[in-house]
Amino acid sequence: MLYPRYRAEIVPKLMKELGYSNVMQVPKVEKVVVNMGVGKHDDPKVLEGAVNNLAQIAGQRPVVTRAKRAVSDFKIRKGDAIGCRVTLRGPRAYEFLYKLFNVALPGIRDFKGVSPDSFDGRGNFSLGLTEQMVFPEVSYDDVVRTQGMDITIVTTARTDREAMALLAALGCAFRKD
């Protein structure tokens, strides 16, 4: 359980490390957004499989995302289902991050850490995974088509340095270039 550990151990550690005098100044994870894009496919089982895989991974039913505008090069019409996403908040977000940092990412072959350059300048972090098979909930038989996902971690940190300290304290392994 990462959320109780965050409250008991990580907050005091970050207060000392970042020089805060108030507990409310310490950055926290606001939400985690997981997005799987499948594109336009004639086979509806691909989208259904992505929705089921994301529901298993996140523990919450995802929302189907639709195209905002038509793109003729990709043969996509406005309103076509092109992916799914789920937004995790509170303890669910912390549990997903625990699973991501301690099970999924270390299970990737030749994993040397995530890039510290993936911050947006305001304390939010994004990373991409190439396949959903790195999560233990997804079995090979359940996968219709292997596809990647984008994970965005939104924090209350004001700077990238604060957010990096928070994610490192939560267990994220950053690459040392």
N, C-alpha and C. Protein backbone atom coordinates (compact mmCIF):
# COMPACT_ATOMS: atom_id res chain seq x y z
N MET A 1 0.84 -1.19 0.00
CA MET A 1 0.00 0.00 0.00
C MET A 1 0.88 1.24 0.00
N LEU A 2 0.80 1.97 -1.07
CA LEU A 2 1.67 3.13 -1.24
C LEU A 2 1.10 4.38 -0.57
N TYR A 3 -0.22 4.55 -0.56
CA TYR A 3 -0.81 5.77 -0.01
C TYR A 3 -0.54 5.94 1.48
N PRO A 4 -0.73 4.91 2.33
CA PRO A 4 -0.37 5.08 3.75
C PRO A 4 1.12 5.35 3.95
N ARG A 5 1.96 4.71 3.13
CA ARG A 5 3.40 4.95 3.22
C ARG A 5 3.74 6.38 2.82
N TYR A 6 3.02 6.90 1.81
CA TYR A 6 3.22 8.30 1.41
C TYR A 6 2.92 9.23 2.57
N ARG A 7 1.79 8.98 3.24
CA ARG A 7 1.39 9.86 4.35
C ARG A 7 2.35 9.76 5.54
N ALA A 8 2.80 8.55 5.85
CA ALA A 8 3.61 8.34 7.06
C ALA A 8 5.10 8.61 6.86
N GLU A 9 5.67 8.17 5.73
CA GLU A 9 7.12 8.26 5.55
C GLU A 9 7.56 9.31 4.54
N ILE A 10 6.88 9.35 3.41
CA ILE A 10 7.36 10.19 2.30
C ILE A 10 7.14 11.66 2.55
N VAL A 11 5.99 12.04 3.13
CA VAL A 11 5.71 13.46 3.39
C VAL A 11 6.75 14.07 4.32
N PRO A 12 7.07 13.45 5.48
CA PRO A 12 8.13 14.05 6.32
C PRO A 12 9.49 14.12 5.63
N LYS A 13 9.80 13.09 4.84
CA LYS A 13 11.07 13.08 4.12
C LYS A 13 11.14 14.22 3.11
N LEU A 14 10.06 14.43 2.36
CA LEU A 14 10.03 15.51 1.37
C LEU A 14 10.02 16.89 2.04
N MET A 15 9.38 17.00 3.21
CA MET A 15 9.40 18.28 3.94
C MET A 15 10.83 18.67 4.29
N LYS A 16 11.60 17.70 4.75
CA LYS A 16 12.99 17.96 5.11
C LYS A 16 13.82 18.23 3.85
N GLU A 17 13.63 17.41 2.82
CA GLU A 17 14.43 17.52 1.60
C GLU A 17 14.18 18.83 0.85
N LEU A 18 12.91 19.24 0.77
CA LEU A 18 12.56 20.44 0.01
C LEU A 18 12.49 21.70 0.88
N GLY A 19 12.66 21.55 2.19
CA GLY A 19 12.70 22.70 3.09
C GLY A 19 11.35 23.33 3.35
N TYR A 20 10.30 22.52 3.44
CA TYR A 20 8.97 23.04 3.71
C TYR A 20 8.70 23.04 5.20
N SER A 21 7.88 24.00 5.64
CA SER A 21 7.52 24.07 7.05
C SER A 21 6.10 23.57 7.30
N ASN A 22 5.31 23.44 6.24
CA ASN A 22 3.93 23.02 6.37
C ASN A 22 3.69 21.76 5.55
N VAL A 23 2.90 20.85 6.09
CA VAL A 23 2.61 19.59 5.41
C VAL A 23 1.86 19.84 4.10
N MET A 24 1.05 20.89 4.04
CA MET A 24 0.25 21.17 2.85
C MET A 24 1.10 21.65 1.67
N GLN A 25 2.34 22.04 1.91
CA GLN A 25 3.22 22.48 0.83
C GLN A 25 3.82 21.30 0.06
N VAL A 26 3.83 20.14 0.65
CA VAL A 26 4.45 18.96 0.04
C VAL A 26 3.64 18.55 -1.19
N PRO A 27 4.30 18.33 -2.33
CA PRO A 27 3.57 17.92 -3.53
C PRO A 27 2.97 16.52 -3.38
N LYS A 28 1.85 16.32 -4.07
CA LYS A 28 1.20 15.01 -4.05
C LYS A 28 0.70 14.70 -5.46
N VAL A 29 0.34 13.46 -5.66
CA VAL A 29 -0.19 13.03 -6.94
C VAL A 29 -1.67 13.42 -6.99
N GLU A 30 -2.00 14.24 -7.97
CA GLU A 30 -3.39 14.68 -8.12
C GLU A 30 -4.21 13.64 -8.87
N LYS A 31 -3.65 13.19 -10.01
CA LYS A 31 -4.33 12.15 -10.79
C LYS A 31 -3.34 11.46 -11.71
N VAL A 32 -3.71 10.29 -12.18
CA VAL A 32 -2.94 9.53 -13.15
C VAL A 32 -3.89 9.21 -14.30
N VAL A 33 -3.51 9.61 -15.52
CA VAL A 33 -4.33 9.35 -16.69
C VAL A 33 -3.61 8.32 -17.56
N VAL A 34 -4.30 7.23 -17.86
CA VAL A 34 -3.75 6.17 -18.70
C VAL A 34 -4.57 6.14 -19.98
N ASN A 35 -3.90 6.28 -21.12
CA ASN A 35 -4.56 6.38 -22.42
C ASN A 35 -4.03 5.29 -23.35
N MET A 36 -4.94 4.59 -24.00
CA MET A 36 -4.58 3.60 -25.02
C MET A 36 -5.26 3.99 -26.33
N GLY A 37 -4.47 4.34 -27.32
CA GLY A 37 -5.03 4.66 -28.62
C GLY A 37 -4.96 3.43 -29.51
N VAL A 38 -6.06 3.11 -30.18
CA VAL A 38 -6.07 1.96 -31.07
C VAL A 38 -6.22 2.38 -32.53
N GLY A 39 -6.57 3.64 -32.77
CA GLY A 39 -6.74 4.08 -34.14
C GLY A 39 -8.03 3.56 -34.71
N LYS A 40 -8.23 3.78 -35.99
CA LYS A 40 -9.44 3.31 -36.67
C LYS A 40 -9.22 1.89 -37.15
N HIS A 41 -10.08 0.98 -36.69
CA HIS A 41 -9.98 -0.42 -37.11
C HIS A 41 -11.35 -0.92 -37.50
N ASP A 42 -11.37 -1.79 -38.52
CA ASP A 42 -12.62 -2.39 -38.95
C ASP A 42 -13.09 -3.44 -37.95
N ASP A 43 -12.16 -3.99 -37.18
CA ASP A 43 -12.50 -5.03 -36.22
C ASP A 43 -12.83 -4.39 -34.86
N PRO A 44 -14.08 -4.45 -34.41
CA PRO A 44 -14.44 -3.84 -33.12
C PRO A 44 -13.85 -4.58 -31.93
N LYS A 45 -13.36 -5.81 -32.14
CA LYS A 45 -12.78 -6.58 -31.03
C LYS A 45 -11.47 -5.96 -30.55
N VAL A 46 -10.78 -5.19 -31.42
CA VAL A 46 -9.52 -4.56 -31.02
C VAL A 46 -9.80 -3.52 -29.94
N LEU A 47 -10.81 -2.67 -30.16
CA LEU A 47 -11.16 -1.66 -29.16
C LEU A 47 -11.71 -2.31 -27.90
N GLU A 48 -12.54 -3.32 -28.07
CA GLU A 48 -13.10 -4.03 -26.92
C GLU A 48 -12.00 -4.68 -26.09
N GLY A 49 -11.01 -5.27 -26.77
CA GLY A 49 -9.87 -5.87 -26.07
C GLY A 49 -9.05 -4.84 -25.32
N ALA A 50 -8.86 -3.65 -25.93
CA ALA A 50 -8.12 -2.58 -25.27
C ALA A 50 -8.86 -2.09 -24.03
N VAL A 51 -10.19 -1.96 -24.14
CA VAL A 51 -11.00 -1.53 -22.99
C VAL A 51 -10.89 -2.55 -21.87
N ASN A 52 -11.00 -3.84 -22.19
CA ASN A 52 -10.91 -4.88 -21.16
C ASN A 52 -9.52 -4.94 -20.53
N ASN A 53 -8.46 -4.81 -21.34
CA ASN A 53 -7.10 -4.82 -20.80
C ASN A 53 -6.87 -3.63 -19.88
N LEU A 54 -7.32 -2.45 -20.30
CA LEU A 54 -7.13 -1.25 -19.47
C LEU A 54 -7.94 -1.33 -18.18
N ALA A 55 -9.12 -1.94 -18.24
CA ALA A 55 -9.92 -2.12 -17.03
C ALA A 55 -9.21 -3.06 -16.05
N GLN A 56 -8.57 -4.11 -16.57
CA GLN A 56 -7.82 -5.02 -15.70
C GLN A 56 -6.62 -4.32 -15.08
N ILE A 57 -5.92 -3.52 -15.87
CA ILE A 57 -4.71 -2.85 -15.40
C ILE A 57 -5.03 -1.80 -14.35
N ALA A 58 -6.04 -0.97 -14.64
CA ALA A 58 -6.34 0.17 -13.78
C ALA A 58 -7.30 -0.16 -12.65
N GLY A 59 -8.10 -1.22 -12.80
CA GLY A 59 -9.08 -1.53 -11.77
C GLY A 59 -10.29 -0.62 -11.84
N GLN A 60 -10.51 -0.02 -12.98
CA GLN A 60 -11.60 0.93 -13.17
C GLN A 60 -12.00 0.89 -14.64
N ARG A 61 -13.28 1.01 -14.93
CA ARG A 61 -13.77 0.93 -16.31
C ARG A 61 -13.34 2.16 -17.10
N PRO A 62 -12.66 1.98 -18.24
CA PRO A 62 -12.22 3.13 -19.03
C PRO A 62 -13.35 3.74 -19.86
N VAL A 63 -13.11 4.96 -20.31
CA VAL A 63 -14.02 5.69 -21.17
C VAL A 63 -13.50 5.57 -22.60
N VAL A 64 -14.39 5.31 -23.55
CA VAL A 64 -14.00 5.22 -24.95
C VAL A 64 -13.84 6.64 -25.49
N THR A 65 -12.69 6.92 -26.11
CA THR A 65 -12.45 8.25 -26.68
C THR A 65 -12.79 8.22 -28.16
N ARG A 66 -13.32 9.36 -28.63
CA ARG A 66 -13.78 9.46 -30.01
C ARG A 66 -13.03 10.58 -30.72
N ALA A 67 -12.95 10.47 -32.05
CA ALA A 67 -12.23 11.45 -32.85
C ALA A 67 -12.96 12.79 -32.81
N LYS A 68 -12.21 13.87 -32.60
CA LYS A 68 -12.81 15.21 -32.56
C LYS A 68 -13.07 15.76 -33.96
N ARG A 69 -12.25 15.33 -34.91
CA ARG A 69 -12.42 15.80 -36.29
C ARG A 69 -12.04 14.69 -37.25
N ALA A 70 -12.47 14.84 -38.47
CA ALA A 70 -12.18 13.85 -39.50
C ALA A 70 -10.77 14.05 -40.05
N VAL A 71 -10.04 12.95 -40.26
CA VAL A 71 -8.71 12.99 -40.86
C VAL A 71 -8.73 11.99 -42.01
N SER A 72 -8.74 12.51 -43.23
CA SER A 72 -8.89 11.64 -44.39
C SER A 72 -7.67 10.75 -44.62
N ASP A 73 -6.48 11.21 -44.26
CA ASP A 73 -5.28 10.39 -44.44
C ASP A 73 -5.34 9.10 -43.62
N PHE A 74 -5.96 9.17 -42.44
CA PHE A 74 -6.07 8.00 -41.57
C PHE A 74 -7.42 7.31 -41.71
N LYS A 75 -8.26 7.80 -42.60
CA LYS A 75 -9.61 7.25 -42.81
C LYS A 75 -10.42 7.27 -41.52
N ILE A 76 -10.35 8.39 -40.81
CA ILE A 76 -11.08 8.56 -39.56
C ILE A 76 -12.15 9.63 -39.77
N ARG A 77 -13.36 9.32 -39.35
CA ARG A 77 -14.45 10.28 -39.40
C ARG A 77 -14.67 10.85 -38.01
N LYS A 78 -15.28 12.02 -37.96
CA LYS A 78 -15.59 12.64 -36.67
C LYS A 78 -16.54 11.71 -35.90
N GLY A 79 -16.18 11.44 -34.65
CA GLY A 79 -17.02 10.59 -33.80
C GLY A 79 -16.63 9.13 -33.78
N ASP A 80 -15.66 8.72 -34.60
CA ASP A 80 -15.21 7.32 -34.58
C ASP A 80 -14.48 7.01 -33.27
N ALA A 81 -14.70 5.82 -32.74
CA ALA A 81 -13.99 5.38 -31.54
C ALA A 81 -12.55 5.07 -31.90
N ILE A 82 -11.60 5.77 -31.24
CA ILE A 82 -10.19 5.60 -31.59
C ILE A 82 -9.31 5.20 -30.41
N GLY A 83 -9.90 5.01 -29.23
CA GLY A 83 -9.10 4.61 -28.09
C GLY A 83 -9.91 4.61 -26.81
N CYS A 84 -9.20 4.48 -25.69
CA CYS A 84 -9.85 4.51 -24.38
C CYS A 84 -8.88 5.08 -23.37
N ARG A 85 -9.44 5.63 -22.30
CA ARG A 85 -8.61 6.20 -21.26
C ARG A 85 -9.30 6.07 -19.91
N VAL A 86 -8.48 6.13 -18.86
CA VAL A 86 -9.00 6.06 -17.51
C VAL A 86 -8.25 7.08 -16.67
N THR A 87 -8.97 7.76 -15.78
CA THR A 87 -8.38 8.74 -14.86
C THR A 87 -8.49 8.19 -13.45
N LEU A 88 -7.34 8.03 -12.79
CA LEU A 88 -7.28 7.50 -11.43
C LEU A 88 -6.95 8.62 -10.47
N ARG A 89 -7.68 8.71 -9.37
CA ARG A 89 -7.43 9.74 -8.36
C ARG A 89 -7.36 9.09 -6.98
N GLY A 90 -6.75 9.80 -6.04
CA GLY A 90 -6.69 9.33 -4.67
C GLY A 90 -5.88 8.07 -4.48
N PRO A 91 -6.30 7.21 -3.55
CA PRO A 91 -5.54 5.98 -3.27
C PRO A 91 -5.39 5.07 -4.49
N ARG A 92 -6.37 5.07 -5.41
CA ARG A 92 -6.25 4.24 -6.61
C ARG A 92 -5.07 4.68 -7.47
N ALA A 93 -4.85 5.97 -7.54
CA ALA A 93 -3.72 6.48 -8.32
C ALA A 93 -2.40 6.02 -7.70
N TYR A 94 -2.30 6.07 -6.38
CA TYR A 94 -1.08 5.64 -5.71
C TYR A 94 -0.85 4.14 -5.88
N GLU A 95 -1.93 3.35 -5.84
CA GLU A 95 -1.77 1.91 -6.03
C GLU A 95 -1.35 1.57 -7.45
N PHE A 96 -1.87 2.31 -8.43
CA PHE A 96 -1.43 2.10 -9.82
C PHE A 96 0.05 2.46 -9.96
N LEU A 97 0.48 3.56 -9.34
CA LEU A 97 1.88 3.95 -9.42
C LEU A 97 2.79 2.93 -8.75
N TYR A 98 2.33 2.36 -7.64
CA TYR A 98 3.12 1.32 -6.97
C TYR A 98 3.32 0.13 -7.91
N LYS A 99 2.23 -0.29 -8.56
CA LYS A 99 2.30 -1.40 -9.50
C LYS A 99 3.19 -1.05 -10.69
N LEU A 100 3.09 0.18 -11.19
CA LEU A 100 3.89 0.62 -12.33
C LEU A 100 5.38 0.65 -11.99
N PHE A 101 5.72 1.28 -10.86
CA PHE A 101 7.13 1.48 -10.49
C PHE A 101 7.81 0.21 -9.99
N ASN A 102 7.07 -0.69 -9.33
CA ASN A 102 7.69 -1.85 -8.70
C ASN A 102 7.50 -3.17 -9.43
N VAL A 103 6.53 -3.24 -10.35
CA VAL A 103 6.28 -4.50 -11.04
C VAL A 103 6.46 -4.35 -12.54
N ALA A 104 5.75 -3.39 -13.15
CA ALA A 104 5.71 -3.29 -14.61
C ALA A 104 7.02 -2.79 -15.20
N LEU A 105 7.51 -1.64 -14.75
CA LEU A 105 8.72 -1.08 -15.34
C LEU A 105 9.96 -1.96 -15.12
N PRO A 106 10.19 -2.50 -13.91
CA PRO A 106 11.35 -3.39 -13.76
C PRO A 106 11.23 -4.67 -14.58
N GLY A 107 10.03 -5.04 -15.00
CA GLY A 107 9.85 -6.24 -15.80
C GLY A 107 10.19 -6.06 -17.26
N ILE A 108 10.44 -4.84 -17.68
CA ILE A 108 10.80 -4.58 -19.07
C ILE A 108 12.26 -4.97 -19.29
N ARG A 109 12.51 -5.67 -20.40
CA ARG A 109 13.87 -6.09 -20.70
C ARG A 109 14.75 -4.88 -20.98
N ASP A 110 15.96 -4.88 -20.47
CA ASP A 110 16.95 -3.80 -20.63
C ASP A 110 16.45 -2.47 -20.08
N PHE A 111 15.68 -2.50 -19.00
CA PHE A 111 15.16 -1.28 -18.40
C PHE A 111 16.25 -0.60 -17.58
N LYS A 112 16.57 0.64 -17.95
CA LYS A 112 17.62 1.39 -17.25
C LYS A 112 17.06 2.58 -16.48
N GLY A 113 15.75 2.72 -16.45
CA GLY A 113 15.11 3.83 -15.77
C GLY A 113 14.35 4.69 -16.78
N VAL A 114 13.43 5.51 -16.25
CA VAL A 114 12.67 6.40 -17.12
C VAL A 114 13.45 7.69 -17.32
N SER A 115 13.16 8.36 -18.41
CA SER A 115 13.89 9.58 -18.76
C SER A 115 13.47 10.73 -17.86
N PRO A 116 14.43 11.43 -17.27
CA PRO A 116 14.08 12.60 -16.45
C PRO A 116 13.70 13.81 -17.30
N ASP A 117 13.77 13.69 -18.63
CA ASP A 117 13.42 14.80 -19.52
C ASP A 117 11.93 14.83 -19.85
N SER A 118 11.15 13.94 -19.30
CA SER A 118 9.73 13.82 -19.66
C SER A 118 8.81 14.67 -18.80
N PHE A 119 9.35 15.63 -18.08
CA PHE A 119 8.53 16.56 -17.31
C PHE A 119 8.10 17.71 -18.21
N ASP A 120 6.97 18.34 -17.90
CA ASP A 120 6.44 19.38 -18.77
C ASP A 120 6.81 20.80 -18.33
N GLY A 121 7.57 20.94 -17.26
CA GLY A 121 7.94 22.27 -16.79
C GLY A 121 7.06 22.76 -15.65
N ARG A 122 5.94 22.08 -15.42
CA ARG A 122 5.01 22.47 -14.34
C ARG A 122 4.80 21.34 -13.33
N GLY A 123 5.68 20.35 -13.36
CA GLY A 123 5.61 19.29 -12.36
C GLY A 123 4.80 18.08 -12.76
N ASN A 124 4.43 17.96 -14.03
CA ASN A 124 3.69 16.79 -14.51
C ASN A 124 4.64 15.92 -15.32
N PHE A 125 4.41 14.61 -15.27
CA PHE A 125 5.33 13.65 -15.88
C PHE A 125 4.56 12.73 -16.81
N SER A 126 5.10 12.46 -17.99
CA SER A 126 4.47 11.56 -18.95
C SER A 126 5.46 10.50 -19.40
N LEU A 127 4.97 9.29 -19.59
CA LEU A 127 5.80 8.24 -20.14
C LEU A 127 4.93 7.32 -20.98
N GLY A 128 5.56 6.62 -21.88
CA GLY A 128 4.85 5.70 -22.76
C GLY A 128 5.38 4.29 -22.61
N LEU A 129 4.49 3.34 -22.72
CA LEU A 129 4.86 1.93 -22.72
C LEU A 129 4.50 1.35 -24.08
N THR A 130 5.31 0.43 -24.58
CA THR A 130 5.09 -0.10 -25.91
C THR A 130 4.07 -1.23 -25.95
N GLU A 131 3.82 -1.89 -24.82
CA GLU A 131 2.82 -2.95 -24.82
C GLU A 131 2.23 -3.10 -23.43
N GLN A 132 1.01 -3.65 -23.40
CA GLN A 132 0.30 -3.80 -22.14
C GLN A 132 0.68 -5.08 -21.41
N MET A 133 1.52 -5.90 -22.01
CA MET A 133 1.89 -7.19 -21.42
C MET A 133 2.80 -7.07 -20.20
N VAL A 134 3.35 -5.88 -19.94
CA VAL A 134 4.26 -5.72 -18.80
C VAL A 134 3.51 -5.76 -17.47
N PHE A 135 2.19 -5.58 -17.50
CA PHE A 135 1.41 -5.64 -16.27
C PHE A 135 0.99 -7.08 -15.99
N PRO A 136 1.09 -7.53 -14.74
CA PRO A 136 0.80 -8.94 -14.43
C PRO A 136 -0.68 -9.31 -14.57
N GLU A 137 -1.59 -8.34 -14.57
CA GLU A 137 -3.02 -8.65 -14.67
C GLU A 137 -3.41 -9.12 -16.06
N VAL A 138 -2.64 -8.71 -17.06
CA VAL A 138 -2.98 -9.02 -18.44
C VAL A 138 -2.29 -10.33 -18.84
N SER A 139 -3.09 -11.32 -19.20
CA SER A 139 -2.51 -12.57 -19.68
C SER A 139 -2.42 -12.53 -21.20
N TYR A 140 -1.55 -13.33 -21.73
CA TYR A 140 -1.32 -13.35 -23.18
C TYR A 140 -2.57 -13.74 -23.95
N ASP A 141 -3.41 -14.58 -23.36
CA ASP A 141 -4.63 -15.04 -24.02
C ASP A 141 -5.68 -13.94 -24.14
N ASP A 142 -5.63 -12.94 -23.23
CA ASP A 142 -6.62 -11.86 -23.24
C ASP A 142 -6.31 -10.77 -24.27
N VAL A 143 -5.11 -10.78 -24.82
CA VAL A 143 -4.68 -9.70 -25.71
C VAL A 143 -5.14 -9.98 -27.14
N VAL A 144 -5.93 -9.04 -27.68
CA VAL A 144 -6.37 -9.14 -29.07
C VAL A 144 -5.24 -8.66 -29.97
N ARG A 145 -4.65 -7.51 -29.62
CA ARG A 145 -3.52 -6.96 -30.35
C ARG A 145 -2.64 -6.20 -29.35
N THR A 146 -1.33 -6.41 -29.41
CA THR A 146 -0.46 -5.68 -28.49
C THR A 146 -0.43 -4.22 -28.92
N GLN A 147 -0.57 -3.35 -27.94
CA GLN A 147 -0.55 -1.92 -28.21
C GLN A 147 0.00 -1.20 -27.00
N GLY A 148 0.48 -0.01 -27.23
CA GLY A 148 1.09 0.76 -26.17
C GLY A 148 0.10 1.61 -25.41
N MET A 149 0.61 2.33 -24.45
CA MET A 149 -0.23 3.23 -23.67
C MET A 149 0.60 4.42 -23.21
N ASP A 150 -0.08 5.54 -23.02
CA ASP A 150 0.54 6.75 -22.50
C ASP A 150 0.07 6.92 -21.06
N ILE A 151 1.00 7.22 -20.17
CA ILE A 151 0.68 7.42 -18.77
C ILE A 151 1.12 8.82 -18.39
N THR A 152 0.20 9.63 -17.89
CA THR A 152 0.50 10.98 -17.47
C THR A 152 0.23 11.09 -15.97
N ILE A 153 1.23 11.53 -15.22
CA ILE A 153 1.12 11.68 -13.78
C ILE A 153 1.04 13.17 -13.49
N VAL A 154 -0.11 13.63 -13.01
CA VAL A 154 -0.33 15.04 -12.71
C VAL A 154 -0.11 15.24 -11.21
N THR A 155 0.82 16.13 -10.86
CA THR A 155 1.13 16.38 -9.45
C THR A 155 0.79 17.82 -9.09
N THR A 156 0.80 18.10 -7.80
CA THR A 156 0.58 19.46 -7.33
C THR A 156 1.90 20.23 -7.22
N ALA A 157 3.00 19.63 -7.65
CA ALA A 157 4.31 20.28 -7.58
C ALA A 157 4.35 21.48 -8.52
N ARG A 158 5.07 22.51 -8.11
CA ARG A 158 5.19 23.71 -8.94
C ARG A 158 6.33 23.63 -9.92
N THR A 159 7.36 22.87 -9.58
CA THR A 159 8.53 22.76 -10.45
C THR A 159 8.82 21.29 -10.75
N ASP A 160 9.63 21.08 -11.78
CA ASP A 160 10.02 19.72 -12.14
C ASP A 160 10.90 19.10 -11.06
N ARG A 161 11.69 19.90 -10.38
CA ARG A 161 12.56 19.38 -9.32
C ARG A 161 11.73 18.79 -8.18
N GLU A 162 10.67 19.50 -7.78
CA GLU A 162 9.77 18.99 -6.73
C GLU A 162 9.08 17.71 -7.17
N ALA A 163 8.60 17.69 -8.41
CA ALA A 163 7.90 16.51 -8.92
C ALA A 163 8.85 15.32 -9.02
N MET A 164 10.08 15.58 -9.43
CA MET A 164 11.06 14.50 -9.53
C MET A 164 11.38 13.93 -8.15
N ALA A 165 11.49 14.79 -7.15
CA ALA A 165 11.72 14.33 -5.78
C ALA A 165 10.54 13.48 -5.30
N LEU A 166 9.31 13.91 -5.62
CA LEU A 166 8.12 13.16 -5.23
C LEU A 166 8.11 11.78 -5.88
N LEU A 167 8.30 11.74 -7.20
CA LEU A 167 8.24 10.46 -7.91
C LEU A 167 9.39 9.53 -7.50
N ALA A 168 10.56 10.09 -7.25
CA ALA A 168 11.68 9.27 -6.78
C ALA A 168 11.38 8.68 -5.40
N ALA A 169 10.73 9.48 -4.54
CA ALA A 169 10.36 8.98 -3.21
C ALA A 169 9.29 7.90 -3.31
N LEU A 170 8.43 8.00 -4.33
CA LEU A 170 7.39 6.98 -4.52
C LEU A 170 7.93 5.69 -5.12
N GLY A 171 9.17 5.72 -5.65
CA GLY A 171 9.78 4.51 -6.15
C GLY A 171 10.11 4.52 -7.64
N CYS A 172 9.95 5.65 -8.31
CA CYS A 172 10.26 5.72 -9.73
C CYS A 172 11.78 5.74 -9.92
N ALA A 173 12.26 4.90 -10.81
CA ALA A 173 13.70 4.83 -11.10
C ALA A 173 14.00 5.71 -12.30
N PHE A 174 14.74 6.79 -12.07
CA PHE A 174 15.11 7.69 -13.16
C PHE A 174 16.46 7.28 -13.72
N ARG A 175 16.58 7.42 -15.04
CA ARG A 175 17.82 7.10 -15.73
C ARG A 175 18.88 8.14 -15.41
N LYS A 176 20.08 7.68 -15.21
CA LYS A 176 21.21 8.60 -14.98
C LYS A 176 22.02 8.67 -16.26
N ASP A 177 21.81 9.74 -17.02
CA ASP A 177 22.51 9.88 -18.31
C ASP A 177 23.92 10.36 -18.17
